PDB file of N, CA and C in Angstrom:
ATOM      1  N   MET A   1      19.419 -10.141  35.009  1.00  0.00           N
ATOM      2  CA  MET A   1      19.465 -11.091  36.239  1.00  0.00           C
ATOM      3  C   MET A   1      19.525 -12.280  35.679  1.00  0.00           C
ATOM      4  N   TRP A   2      20.268 -13.200  36.321  1.00  0.00           N
ATOM      5  CA  TRP A   2      20.011 -14.857  35.921  1.00  0.00           C
ATOM      6  C   TRP A   2      20.051 -15.342  37.074  1.00  0.00           C
ATOM      7  N   LEU A   3      18.742 -16.616  36.915  1.00  0.00           N
ATOM      8  CA  LEU A   3      18.474 -17.284  37.877  1.00  0.00           C
ATOM      9  C   LEU A   3      18.413 -18.471  37.958  1.00  0.00           C
ATOM     10  N   ASN A   4      19.315 -19.448  38.713  1.00  0.00           N
ATOM     11  CA  ASN A   4      19.293 -21.010  38.675  1.00  0.00           C
ATOM     12  C   ASN A   4      18.636 -21.532  40.135  1.00  0.00           C
ATOM     13  N   PRO A   5      17.848 -21.556  40.454  1.00  0.00           N
ATOM     14  CA  PRO A   5      17.259 -21.416  41.816  1.00  0.00           C
ATOM     15  C   PRO A   5      17.217 -23.013  42.241  1.00  0.00           C
ATOM     16  N   PRO A   6      17.304 -23.243  43.904  1.00  0.00           N
ATOM     17  CA  PRO A   6      17.160 -24.795  44.104  1.00  0.00           C
ATOM     18  C   PRO A   6      15.864 -25.116  43.388  1.00  0.00           C
ATOM     19  N   TYR A   7      16.062 -26.441  42.891  1.00  0.00           N
ATOM     20  CA  TYR A   7      14.552 -27.199  42.588  1.00  0.00           C
ATOM     21  C   TYR A   7      13.884 -27.853  43.222  1.00  0.00           C
ATOM     22  N   GLY A   8      13.571 -27.507  44.557  1.00  0.00           N
ATOM     23  CA  GLY A   8      13.311 -28.153  45.928  1.00  0.00           C
ATOM     24  C   GLY A   8      11.493 -27.452  45.864  1.00  0.00           C
ATOM     25  N   ARG A   9      11.074 -27.600  46.901  1.00  0.00           N
ATOM     26  CA  ARG A   9       9.274 -27.172  47.026  1.00  0.00           C
ATOM     27  C   ARG A   9       9.280 -25.857  46.859  1.00  0.00           C
ATOM     28  N   GLN A  10      10.481 -25.033  47.450  1.00  0.00           N
ATOM     29  CA  GLN A  10      10.422 -23.487  47.799  1.00  0.00           C
ATOM     30  C   GLN A  10      10.580 -22.894  45.906  1.00  0.00           C
ATOM     31  N   ILE A  11      10.594 -23.682  44.804  1.00  0.00           N
ATOM     32  CA  ILE A  11      11.020 -22.940  43.506  1.00  0.00           C
ATOM     33  C   ILE A  11       9.777 -21.577  43.391  1.00  0.00           C
ATOM     34  N   GLY A  12       8.635 -21.805  43.709  1.00  0.00           N
ATOM     35  CA  GLY A  12       7.644 -21.094  43.104  1.00  0.00           C
ATOM     36  C   GLY A  12       7.778 -19.895  43.733  1.00  0.00           C
ATOM     37  N   LYS A  13       8.278 -19.625  45.023  1.00  0.00           N
ATOM     38  CA  LYS A  13       8.603 -18.369  45.744  1.00  0.00           C
ATOM     39  C   LYS A  13       9.952 -17.694  44.916  1.00  0.00           C
ATOM     40  N   TRP A  14      10.907 -18.783  44.221  1.00  0.00           N
ATOM     41  CA  TRP A  14      11.917 -17.959  43.629  1.00  0.00           C
ATOM     42  C   TRP A  14      11.207 -17.632  42.466  1.00  0.00           C
ATOM     43  N   VAL A  15      10.080 -18.282  41.662  1.00  0.00           N
ATOM     44  CA  VAL A  15       9.621 -17.655  40.089  1.00  0.00           C
ATOM     45  C   VAL A  15       9.127 -16.633  40.694  1.00  0.00           C
ATOM     46  N   GLN A  16       8.043 -16.511  41.605  1.00  0.00           N
ATOM     47  CA  GLN A  16       7.417 -15.278  42.152  1.00  0.00           C
ATOM     48  C   GLN A  16       8.097 -14.070  42.276  1.00  0.00           C
ATOM     49  N   LYS A  17       9.183 -14.392  42.725  1.00  0.00           N
ATOM     50  CA  LYS A  17      10.408 -13.197  42.789  1.00  0.00           C
ATOM     51  C   LYS A  17      10.645 -12.625  41.615  1.00  0.00           C
ATOM     52  N   ALA A  18      11.003 -13.635  40.981  1.00  0.00           N
ATOM     53  CA  ALA A  18      11.936 -13.391  39.345  1.00  0.00           C
ATOM     54  C   ALA A  18      10.599 -12.265  39.105  1.00  0.00           C
ATOM     55  N   TYR A  19       9.585 -12.804  38.968  1.00  0.00           N
ATOM     56  CA  TYR A  19       8.472 -12.078  38.163  1.00  0.00           C
ATOM     57  C   TYR A  19       8.404 -10.626  38.995  1.00  0.00           C
ATOM     58  N   GLU A  20       8.169 -10.457  40.069  1.00  0.00           N
ATOM     59  CA  GLU A  20       7.963  -9.334  40.719  1.00  0.00           C
ATOM     60  C   GLU A  20       9.506  -8.313  40.506  1.00  0.00           C
ATOM     61  N   GLU A  21      10.720  -9.003  40.386  1.00  0.00           N
ATOM     62  CA  GLU A  21      11.766  -7.938  40.010  1.00  0.00           C
ATOM     63  C   GLU A  21      11.805  -7.527  38.679  1.00  0.00           C
ATOM     64  N   SER A  22      10.942  -8.115  37.799  1.00  0.00           N
ATOM     65  CA  SER A  22      11.127  -7.654  36.617  1.00  0.00           C
ATOM     66  C   SER A  22      10.262  -7.009  35.926  1.00  0.00           C
ATOM     67  N   ARG A  23       9.502  -6.269  37.336  1.00  0.00           N
ATOM     68  CA  ARG A  23       8.577  -5.125  36.803  1.00  0.00           C
ATOM     69  C   ARG A  23       9.076  -4.262  37.199  1.00  0.00           C
ATOM     70  N   LYS A  24      10.291  -4.207  37.280  1.00  0.00           N
ATOM     71  CA  LYS A  24      11.106  -2.657  37.819  1.00  0.00           C
ATOM     72  C   LYS A  24      11.533  -2.321  36.548  1.00  0.00           C
ATOM     73  N   PRO A  25      11.695  -1.081  36.313  1.00  0.00           N
ATOM     74  CA  PRO A  25      12.148  -0.624  35.208  1.00  0.00           C
ATOM     75  C   PRO A  25      13.557  -1.096  34.534  1.00  0.00           C
ATOM     76  N   GLY A  26      13.614  -1.288  33.191  1.00  0.00           N
ATOM     77  CA  GLY A  26      15.118  -1.905  32.947  1.00  0.00           C
ATOM     78  C   GLY A  26      15.438  -3.347  33.410  1.00  0.00           C
ATOM     79  N   THR A  27      14.570  -3.896  34.159  1.00  0.00           N
ATOM     80  CA  THR A  27      14.785  -5.250  34.525  1.00  0.00           C
ATOM     81  C   THR A  27      14.524  -6.516  33.723  1.00  0.00           C
ATOM     82  N   VAL A  28      15.481  -7.489  33.809  1.00  0.00           N
ATOM     83  CA  VAL A  28      14.863  -8.420  32.536  1.00  0.00           C
ATOM     84  C   VAL A  28      15.559  -9.661  33.839  1.00  0.00           C
ATOM     85  N   VAL A  29      14.780 -10.552  33.802  1.00  0.00           N
ATOM     86  CA  VAL A  29      15.150 -11.797  34.710  1.00  0.00           C
ATOM     87  C   VAL A  29      15.008 -13.048  33.614  1.00  0.00           C
ATOM     88  N   VAL A  30      16.192 -13.627  33.956  1.00  0.00           N
ATOM     89  CA  VAL A  30      16.323 -15.236  32.788  1.00  0.00           C
ATOM     90  C   VAL A  30      16.501 -16.287  33.925  1.00  0.00           C
ATOM     91  N   CYS A  31      15.506 -17.264  33.651  1.00  0.00           N
ATOM     92  CA  CYS A  31      15.478 -18.351  34.459  1.00  0.00           C
ATOM     93  C   CYS A  31      15.473 -19.599  33.939  1.00  0.00           C
ATOM     94  N   LEU A  32      16.488 -20.150  34.559  1.00  0.00           N
ATOM     95  CA  LEU A  32      16.817 -21.875  33.988  1.00  0.00           C
ATOM     96  C   LEU A  32      16.049 -22.495  35.229  1.00  0.00           C
ATOM     97  N   ILE A  33      14.865 -23.448  34.799  1.00  0.00           N
ATOM     98  CA  ILE A  33      14.063 -24.061  35.669  1.00  0.00           C
ATOM     99  C   ILE A  33      13.396 -24.928  34.864  1.00  0.00           C
ATOM    100  N   PRO A  34      13.083 -26.110  36.019  1.00  0.00           N
ATOM    101  CA  PRO A  34      12.574 -27.278  35.451  1.00  0.00           C
ATOM    102  C   PRO A  34      10.714 -26.938  35.042  1.00  0.00           C
ATOM    103  N   ALA A  35      10.940 -27.764  33.855  1.00  0.00           N
ATOM    104  CA  ALA A  35       9.329 -27.464  32.870  1.00  0.00           C
ATOM    105  C   ALA A  35       8.524 -28.002  33.707  1.00  0.00           C
ATOM    106  N   ARG A  36       7.980 -27.613  34.672  1.00  0.00           N
ATOM    107  CA  ARG A  36       6.987 -28.395  35.400  1.00  0.00           C
ATOM    108  C   ARG A  36       5.388 -27.272  34.986  1.00  0.00           C
ATOM    109  N   THR A  37       4.938 -28.067  34.028  1.00  0.00           N
ATOM    110  CA  THR A  37       3.793 -27.054  33.507  1.00  0.00           C
ATOM    111  C   THR A  37       2.379 -27.528  34.171  1.00  0.00           C
ATOM    112  N   ASP A  38       2.435 -28.413  35.362  1.00  0.00           N
ATOM    113  CA  ASP A  38       1.624 -28.941  36.020  1.00  0.00           C
ATOM    114  C   ASP A  38       1.573 -27.886  37.462  1.00  0.00           C
ATOM    115  N   THR A  39       2.473 -27.386  37.895  1.00  0.00           N
ATOM    116  CA  THR A  39       2.326 -26.505  38.920  1.00  0.00           C
ATOM    117  C   THR A  39       1.513 -24.871  38.677  1.00  0.00           C
ATOM    118  N   ALA A  40       1.462 -24.464  39.740  1.00  0.00           N
ATOM    119  CA  ALA A  40       0.787 -23.352  40.047  1.00  0.00           C
ATOM    120  C   ALA A  40       1.416 -22.103  39.683  1.00  0.00           C
ATOM    121  N   TRP A  41       2.728 -22.021  40.338  1.00  0.00           N
ATOM    122  CA  TRP A  41       3.496 -21.401  39.543  1.00  0.00           C
ATOM    123  C   TRP A  41       3.844 -21.141  38.424  1.00  0.00           C
ATOM    124  N   PHE A  42       3.742 -21.836  37.689  1.00  0.00           N
ATOM    125  CA  PHE A  42       4.031 -22.217  36.051  1.00  0.00           C
ATOM    126  C   PHE A  42       2.637 -21.518  35.401  1.00  0.00           C
ATOM    127  N   HIS A  43       1.588 -21.778  35.996  1.00  0.00           N
ATOM    128  CA  HIS A  43       0.174 -21.018  35.547  1.00  0.00           C
ATOM    129  C   HIS A  43       0.050 -19.620  35.852  1.00  0.00           C
ATOM    130  N   ASP A  44       0.492 -19.358  37.328  1.00  0.00           N
ATOM    131  CA  ASP A  44       0.348 -17.851  37.758  1.00  0.00           C
ATOM    132  C   ASP A  44       1.325 -16.969  37.255  1.00  0.00           C
ATOM    133  N   TYR A  45       2.446 -17.434  36.947  1.00  0.00           N
ATOM    134  CA  TYR A  45       3.576 -16.348  36.603  1.00  0.00           C
ATOM    135  C   TYR A  45       4.480 -16.651  35.410  1.00  0.00           C
ATOM    136  N   CYS A  46       4.962 -18.102  34.660  1.00  0.00           N
ATOM    137  CA  CYS A  46       5.529 -18.096  33.489  1.00  0.00           C
ATOM    138  C   CYS A  46       4.573 -17.882  32.291  1.00  0.00           C
ATOM    139  N   LEU A  47       3.473 -19.060  32.274  1.00  0.00           N
ATOM    140  CA  LEU A  47       2.747 -18.693  31.284  1.00  0.00           C
ATOM    141  C   LEU A  47       2.057 -17.489  31.088  1.00  0.00           C
ATOM    142  N   PRO A  48       1.235 -16.813  31.708  1.00  0.00           N
ATOM    143  CA  PRO A  48       0.934 -15.362  31.547  1.00  0.00           C
ATOM    144  C   PRO A  48       2.354 -14.460  31.508  1.00  0.00           C
ATOM    145  N   TYR A  49       3.370 -14.136  31.988  1.00  0.00           N
ATOM    146  CA  TYR A  49       4.308 -12.970  31.842  1.00  0.00           C
ATOM    147  C   TYR A  49       5.502 -13.441  31.380  1.00  0.00           C
ATOM    148  N   GLY A  50       5.901 -14.781  30.898  1.00  0.00           N
ATOM    149  CA  GLY A  50       7.200 -15.231  30.631  1.00  0.00           C
ATOM    150  C   GLY A  50       7.238 -15.468  29.202  1.00  0.00           C
ATOM    151  N   ARG A  51       8.273 -15.139  28.719  1.00  0.00           N
ATOM    152  CA  ARG A  51       8.618 -16.142  27.060  1.00  0.00           C
ATOM    153  C   ARG A  51       9.413 -17.036  27.652  1.00  0.00           C
ATOM    154  N   ILE A  52       8.722 -18.326  27.352  1.00  0.00           N
ATOM    155  CA  ILE A  52       9.299 -19.574  27.478  1.00  0.00           C
ATOM    156  C   ILE A  52       9.781 -20.282  26.317  1.00  0.00           C
ATOM    157  N   GLU A  53      11.050 -20.717  26.474  1.00  0.00           N
ATOM    158  CA  GLU A  53      11.609 -21.475  25.641  1.00  0.00           C
ATOM    159  C   GLU A  53      11.941 -23.077  26.208  1.00  0.00           C
ATOM    160  N   PHE A  54      11.257 -24.136  25.674  1.00  0.00           N
ATOM    161  CA  PHE A  54      11.736 -25.444  26.098  1.00  0.00           C
ATOM    162  C   PHE A  54      12.974 -25.794  25.651  1.00  0.00           C
ATOM    163  N   ILE A  55      14.153 -26.484  26.142  1.00  0.00           N
ATOM    164  CA  ILE A  55      15.160 -27.037  26.176  1.00  0.00           C
ATOM    165  C   ILE A  55      14.821 -28.530  25.498  1.00  0.00           C
ATOM    166  N   ARG A  56      15.312 -28.732  24.263  1.00  0.00           N
ATOM    167  CA  ARG A  56      15.323 -30.024  24.222  1.00  0.00           C
ATOM    168  C   ARG A  56      16.322 -30.965  24.776  1.00  0.00           C
ATOM    169  N   GLY A  57      15.732 -32.051  25.109  1.00  0.00           N
ATOM    170  CA  GLY A  57      16.532 -33.007  25.785  1.00  0.00           C
ATOM    171  C   GLY A  57      16.928 -32.867  27.180  1.00  0.00           C
ATOM    172  N   ARG A  58      17.484 -32.991  28.188  1.00  0.00           N
ATOM    173  CA  ARG A  58      17.952 -32.798  29.087  1.00  0.00           C
ATOM    174  C   ARG A  58      19.250 -32.175  29.454  1.00  0.00           C
ATOM    175  N   VAL A  59      19.557 -31.088  30.267  1.00  0.00           N
ATOM    176  CA  VAL A  59      20.790 -30.349  30.598  1.00  0.00           C
ATOM    177  C   VAL A  59      21.445 -31.402  31.622  1.00  0.00           C
ATOM    178  N   ARG A  60      22.837 -30.836  31.408  1.00  0.00           N
ATOM    179  CA  ARG A  60      23.897 -31.641  32.072  1.00  0.00           C
ATOM    180  C   ARG A  60      24.713 -30.522  32.440  1.00  0.00           C
ATOM    181  N   PHE A  61      24.585 -30.600  33.879  1.00  0.00           N
ATOM    182  CA  PHE A  61      25.462 -29.433  34.691  1.00  0.00           C
ATOM    183  C   PHE A  61      26.975 -29.647  34.864  1.00  0.00           C
ATOM    184  N   GLY A  62      28.075 -28.533  34.400  1.00  0.00           N
ATOM    185  CA  GLY A  62      29.192 -28.956  34.314  1.00  0.00           C
ATOM    186  C   GLY A  62      30.048 -30.338  34.089  1.00  0.00           C
ATOM    187  N   GLY A  63      30.877 -30.625  34.775  1.00  0.00           N
ATOM    188  CA  GLY A  63      31.229 -32.143  34.416  1.00  0.00           C
ATOM    189  C   GLY A  63      30.552 -33.215  35.094  1.00  0.00           C
ATOM    190  N   SER A  64      29.193 -32.946  35.026  1.00  0.00           N
ATOM    191  CA  SER A  64      28.307 -33.903  36.139  1.00  0.00           C
ATOM    192  C   SER A  64      28.194 -35.298  34.778  1.00  0.00           C
ATOM    193  N   GLN A  65      28.279 -36.595  35.268  1.00  0.00           N
ATOM    194  CA  GLN A  65      28.209 -37.672  34.587  1.00  0.00           C
ATOM    195  C   GLN A  65      26.896 -37.782  34.153  1.00  0.00           C
ATOM    196  N   TYR A  66      25.672 -37.668  34.458  1.00  0.00           N
ATOM    197  CA  TYR A  66      24.904 -37.380  34.550  1.00  0.00           C
ATOM    198  C   TYR A  66      23.639 -36.410  33.805  1.00  0.00           C
ATOM    199  N   ASP A  67      22.472 -36.575  33.004  1.00  0.00           N
ATOM    200  CA  ASP A  67      21.962 -35.622  32.914  1.00  0.00           C
ATOM    201  C   ASP A  67      20.983 -35.228  33.973  1.00  0.00           C
ATOM    202  N   ALA A  68      19.925 -34.123  33.938  1.00  0.00           N
ATOM    203  CA  ALA A  68      19.027 -33.816  34.950  1.00  0.00           C
ATOM    204  C   ALA A  68      18.137 -35.115  35.010  1.00  0.00           C
ATOM    205  N   PRO A  69      17.286 -35.283  35.773  1.00  0.00           N
ATOM    206  CA  PRO A  69      16.313 -36.298  35.728  1.00  0.00           C
ATOM    207  C   PRO A  69      14.996 -35.841  35.408  1.00  0.00           C
ATOM    208  N   PHE A  70      14.607 -34.584  34.744  1.00  0.00           N
ATOM    209  CA  PHE A  70      13.520 -33.963  34.228  1.00  0.00           C
ATOM    210  C   PHE A  70      13.789 -33.085  33.249  1.00  0.00           C
ATOM    211  N   PRO A  71      13.003 -32.469  32.347  1.00  0.00           N
ATOM    212  CA  PRO A  71      12.974 -31.546  31.412  1.00  0.00           C
ATOM    213  C   PRO A  71      12.776 -30.246  31.987  1.00  0.00           C
ATOM    214  N   SER A  72      13.680 -29.385  31.140  1.00  0.00           N
ATOM    215  CA  SER A  72      13.709 -27.743  31.450  1.00  0.00           C
ATOM    216  C   SER A  72      13.468 -26.848  30.536  1.00  0.00           C
ATOM    217  N   MET A  73      13.393 -25.751  31.225  1.00  0.00           N
ATOM    218  CA  MET A  73      12.833 -24.303  30.237  1.00  0.00           C
ATOM    219  C   MET A  73      13.595 -23.541  31.157  1.00  0.00           C
ATOM    220  N   VAL A  74      13.439 -22.285  29.815  1.00  0.00           N
ATOM    221  CA  VAL A  74      14.203 -20.859  30.285  1.00  0.00           C
ATOM    222  C   VAL A  74      12.972 -19.872  29.861  1.00  0.00           C
ATOM    223  N   VAL A  75      12.798 -19.347  31.094  1.00  0.00           N
ATOM    224  CA  VAL A  75      11.724 -18.548  31.083  1.00  0.00           C
ATOM    225  C   VAL A  75      12.280 -17.027  31.476  1.00  0.00           C
ATOM    226  N   VAL A  76      11.888 -16.187  30.832  1.00  0.00           N
ATOM    227  CA  VAL A  76      12.299 -14.449  30.475  1.00  0.00           C
ATOM    228  C   VAL A  76      11.433 -13.612  31.122  1.00  0.00           C
ATOM    229  N   PHE A  77      11.430 -13.206  32.018  1.00  0.00           N
ATOM    230  CA  PHE A  77      10.765 -12.228  32.446  1.00  0.00           C
ATOM    231  C   PHE A  77      11.155 -10.989  32.134  1.00  0.00           C
ATOM    232  N   LYS A  78      10.324  -9.830  31.635  1.00  0.00           N
ATOM    233  CA  LYS A  78      10.466  -8.434  31.024  1.00  0.00           C
ATOM    234  C   LYS A  78       9.397  -7.677  30.959  1.00  0.00           C
ATOM    235  N   ALA A  79       9.386  -6.768  31.891  1.00  0.00           N
ATOM    236  CA  ALA A  79       8.108  -5.690  31.942  1.00  0.00           C
ATOM    237  C   ALA A  79       7.114  -5.692  30.621  1.00  0.00           C
ATOM    238  N   GLU A  80       7.782  -5.604  29.393  1.00  0.00           N
ATOM    239  CA  GLU A  80       7.200  -5.093  27.807  1.00  0.00           C
ATOM    240  C   GLU A  80       6.478  -6.560  27.372  1.00  0.00           C
ATOM    241  N   GLU A  81       7.117  -7.755  28.239  1.00  0.00           N
ATOM    242  CA  GLU A  81       6.781  -9.039  27.492  1.00  0.00           C
ATOM    243  C   GLU A  81       5.507  -9.652  28.190  1.00  0.00           C
ATOM    244  N   VAL A  82       4.445  -9.983  27.539  1.00  0.00           N
ATOM    245  CA  VAL A  82       3.290 -10.752  28.042  1.00  0.00           C
ATOM    246  C   VAL A  82       2.811 -11.645  27.261  1.00  0.00           C
ATOM    247  N   ASN A  83       2.929 -12.658  27.324  1.00  0.00           N
ATOM    248  CA  ASN A  83       2.081 -13.858  26.484  1.00  0.00           C
ATOM    249  C   ASN A  83       0.505 -13.386  26.535  1.00  0.00           C
ATOM    250  N   THR A  84      -0.092 -13.637  25.027  1.00  0.00           N
ATOM    251  CA  THR A  84      -1.768 -13.037  25.018  1.00  0.00           C
ATOM    252  C   THR A  84      -2.307 -14.480  24.239  1.00  0.00           C
TER     253      THR A  84
END
C-alpha cells in the first residue's frame, strides 16, 4: 500500500492508520511523509515500528517549479520490521 497523505494537522491520524493496517498479514505500507522527528506521531509509530529512510535534499512534485519547503522521509511499515 502506498501513502502520501495530506501534510496538515491530521497527518498523525494517517500515520497511525498506516501502522495499524500494516499489522494485517501480508500488508506492507510505504509512506512518503515530512521528516518531522519532533512530533508525537514520529515517536509513537515511525521510530519504533517503521523502517525509515531520509531523503537527501527536498522533493519536487510533478512539474512544480519549487521544492517542498521541508525535508521528507520514506517510512515502511511491515509486520516483521521493528526497530530495536
